[in-house]
Amino acid sequence: MASGTWGRRVACWNGARKGWGLFWVYIFFVFWA
């Protein structure tokens, strides 16, 4: 049913783990800019 969605989600998380630091920098800029 949602196998395609899960595949996309897993790929997204694999990429997010590599750029986790940049993700938090982005969050800080959004909230403290």
PDB file of N, CA and C in Angstrom:
ATOM      1  N   MET A   1       0.834  -1.201   0.000  1.00  0.00           N
ATOM      2  CA  MET A   1       0.000   0.000   0.000  1.00  0.00           C
ATOM      3  C   MET A   1       0.879   1.267   0.000  1.00  0.00           C
ATOM      4  N   ALA A   2       1.777   1.372   1.007  1.00  0.00           N
ATOM      5  CA  ALA A   2       2.627   2.549   1.114  1.00  0.00           C
ATOM      6  C   ALA A   2       4.102   2.163   0.948  1.00  0.00           C
ATOM      7  N   SER A   3       4.349   1.114   0.190  1.00  0.00           N
ATOM      8  CA  SER A   3       5.739   0.659   0.030  1.00  0.00           C
ATOM      9  C   SER A   3       6.587   1.716  -0.670  1.00  0.00           C
ATOM     10  N   GLY A   4       6.013   2.399  -1.660  1.00  0.00           N
ATOM     11  CA  GLY A   4       6.756   3.447  -2.351  1.00  0.00           C
ATOM     12  C   GLY A   4       7.079   4.595  -1.416  1.00  0.00           C
ATOM     13  N   THR A   5       6.122   4.942  -0.561  1.00  0.00           N
ATOM     14  CA  THR A   5       6.334   6.028   0.394  1.00  0.00           C
ATOM     15  C   THR A   5       7.443   5.663   1.370  1.00  0.00           C
ATOM     16  N   TRP A   6       7.441   4.400   1.828  1.00  0.00           N
ATOM     17  CA  TRP A   6       8.465   3.972   2.789  1.00  0.00           C
ATOM     18  C   TRP A   6       9.845   3.970   2.147  1.00  0.00           C
ATOM     19  N   GLY A   7       9.920   3.529   0.887  1.00  0.00           N
ATOM     20  CA  GLY A   7      11.209   3.530   0.191  1.00  0.00           C
ATOM     21  C   GLY A   7      11.761   4.942   0.080  1.00  0.00           C
ATOM     22  N   ARG A   8      10.877   5.875  -0.228  1.00  0.00           N
ATOM     23  CA  ARG A   8      11.299   7.271  -0.342  1.00  0.00           C
ATOM     24  C   ARG A   8      11.724   7.808   1.019  1.00  0.00           C
ATOM     25  N   ARG A   9      10.999   7.392   2.052  1.00  0.00           N
ATOM     26  CA  ARG A   9      11.297   7.867   3.410  1.00  0.00           C
ATOM     27  C   ARG A   9      12.660   7.352   3.874  1.00  0.00           C
ATOM     28  N   VAL A  10      12.936   6.078   3.604  1.00  0.00           N
ATOM     29  CA  VAL A  10      14.220   5.486   3.996  1.00  0.00           C
ATOM     30  C   VAL A  10      15.366   6.207   3.286  1.00  0.00           C
ATOM     31  N   ALA A  11      15.201   6.458   1.988  1.00  0.00           N
ATOM     32  CA  ALA A  11      16.241   7.161   1.235  1.00  0.00           C
ATOM     33  C   ALA A  11      16.437   8.570   1.788  1.00  0.00           C
ATOM     34  N   CYS A  12      15.345   9.199   2.175  1.00  0.00           N
ATOM     35  CA  CYS A  12      15.419  10.550   2.719  1.00  0.00           C
ATOM     36  C   CYS A  12      16.182  10.538   4.041  1.00  0.00           C
ATOM     37  N   TRP A  13      15.901   9.530   4.898  1.00  0.00           N
ATOM     38  CA  TRP A  13      16.582   9.457   6.198  1.00  0.00           C
ATOM     39  C   TRP A  13      18.056   9.134   6.040  1.00  0.00           C
ATOM     40  N   ASN A  14      18.413   8.300   5.035  1.00  0.00           N
ATOM     41  CA  ASN A  14      19.823   7.995   4.807  1.00  0.00           C
ATOM     42  C   ASN A  14      20.580   9.262   4.425  1.00  0.00           C
ATOM     43  N   GLY A  15      19.965  10.102   3.607  1.00  0.00           N
ATOM     44  CA  GLY A  15      20.593  11.365   3.234  1.00  0.00           C
ATOM     45  C   GLY A  15      20.612  12.332   4.411  1.00  0.00           C
ATOM     46  N   ALA A  16      19.552  12.301   5.233  1.00  0.00           N
ATOM     47  CA  ALA A  16      19.454  13.223   6.372  1.00  0.00           C
ATOM     48  C   ALA A  16      20.528  12.925   7.402  1.00  0.00           C
ATOM     49  N   ARG A  17      20.848  11.632   7.574  1.00  0.00           N
ATOM     50  CA  ARG A  17      21.881  11.269   8.563  1.00  0.00           C
ATOM     51  C   ARG A  17      23.219  11.882   8.185  1.00  0.00           C
ATOM     52  N   LYS A  18      23.504  11.961   6.875  1.00  0.00           N
ATOM     53  CA  LYS A  18      24.777  12.539   6.432  1.00  0.00           C
ATOM     54  C   LYS A  18      24.793  14.051   6.644  1.00  0.00           C
ATOM     55  N   GLY A  19      23.638  14.705   6.472  1.00  0.00           N
ATOM     56  CA  GLY A  19      23.572  16.153   6.591  1.00  0.00           C
ATOM     57  C   GLY A  19      22.848  16.605   7.850  1.00  0.00           C
ATOM     58  N   TRP A  20      22.875  15.772   8.901  1.00  0.00           N
ATOM     59  CA  TRP A  20      22.159  16.099  10.144  1.00  0.00           C
ATOM     60  C   TRP A  20      22.645  17.414  10.727  1.00  0.00           C
ATOM     61  N   GLY A  21      23.954  17.655  10.703  1.00  0.00           N
ATOM     62  CA  GLY A  21      24.513  18.898  11.244  1.00  0.00           C
ATOM     63  C   GLY A  21      23.965  20.111  10.496  1.00  0.00           C
ATOM     64  N   LEU A  22      23.937  20.036   9.153  1.00  0.00           N
ATOM     65  CA  LEU A  22      23.417  21.137   8.359  1.00  0.00           C
ATOM     66  C   LEU A  22      21.937  21.357   8.642  1.00  0.00           C
ATOM     67  N   PHE A  23      21.207  20.262   8.895  1.00  0.00           N
ATOM     68  CA  PHE A  23      19.786  20.366   9.220  1.00  0.00           C
ATOM     69  C   PHE A  23      19.584  21.194  10.478  1.00  0.00           C
ATOM     70  N   TRP A  24      20.377  20.936  11.516  1.00  0.00           N
ATOM     71  CA  TRP A  24      20.228  21.679  12.769  1.00  0.00           C
ATOM     72  C   TRP A  24      20.652  23.132  12.603  1.00  0.00           C
ATOM     73  N   VAL A  25      21.698  23.380  11.796  1.00  0.00           N
ATOM     74  CA  VAL A  25      22.108  24.765  11.520  1.00  0.00           C
ATOM     75  C   VAL A  25      20.957  25.517  10.864  1.00  0.00           C
ATOM     76  N   TYR A  26      20.278  24.848   9.925  1.00  0.00           N
ATOM     77  CA  TYR A  26      19.128  25.459   9.246  1.00  0.00           C
ATOM     78  C   TYR A  26      18.011  25.768  10.248  1.00  0.00           C
ATOM     79  N   ILE A  27      17.735  24.833  11.153  1.00  0.00           N
ATOM     80  CA  ILE A  27      16.693  25.037  12.161  1.00  0.00           C
ATOM     81  C   ILE A  27      17.043  26.234  13.051  1.00  0.00           C
ATOM     82  N   PHE A  28      18.304  26.323  13.461  1.00  0.00           N
ATOM     83  CA  PHE A  28      18.710  27.435  14.317  1.00  0.00           C
ATOM     84  C   PHE A  28      18.538  28.763  13.600  1.00  0.00           C
ATOM     85  N   PHE A  29      18.900  28.805  12.298  1.00  0.00           N
ATOM     86  CA  PHE A  29      18.739  30.041  11.537  1.00  0.00           C
ATOM     87  C   PHE A  29      17.272  30.425  11.417  1.00  0.00           C
ATOM     88  N   VAL A  30      16.410  29.440  11.245  1.00  0.00           N
ATOM     89  CA  VAL A  30      14.976  29.719  11.092  1.00  0.00           C
ATOM     90  C   VAL A  30      14.402  30.307  12.378  1.00  0.00           C
ATOM     91  N   PHE A  31      14.806  29.754  13.533  1.00  0.00           N
ATOM     92  CA  PHE A  31      14.200  30.171  14.792  1.00  0.00           C
ATOM     93  C   PHE A  31      14.875  31.390  15.413  1.00  0.00           C
ATOM     94  N   TRP A  32      16.150  31.616  15.100  1.00  0.00           N
ATOM     95  CA  TRP A  32      16.869  32.714  15.737  1.00  0.00           C
ATOM     96  C   TRP A  32      17.291  33.824  14.781  1.00  0.00           C
ATOM     97  N   ALA A  33      16.862  33.741  13.532  1.00  0.00           N
ATOM     98  CA  ALA A  33      17.245  34.777  12.563  1.00  0.00           C
ATOM     99  C   ALA A  33      16.505  36.093  12.864  1.00  0.00           C
TER     100      ALA A  33
END
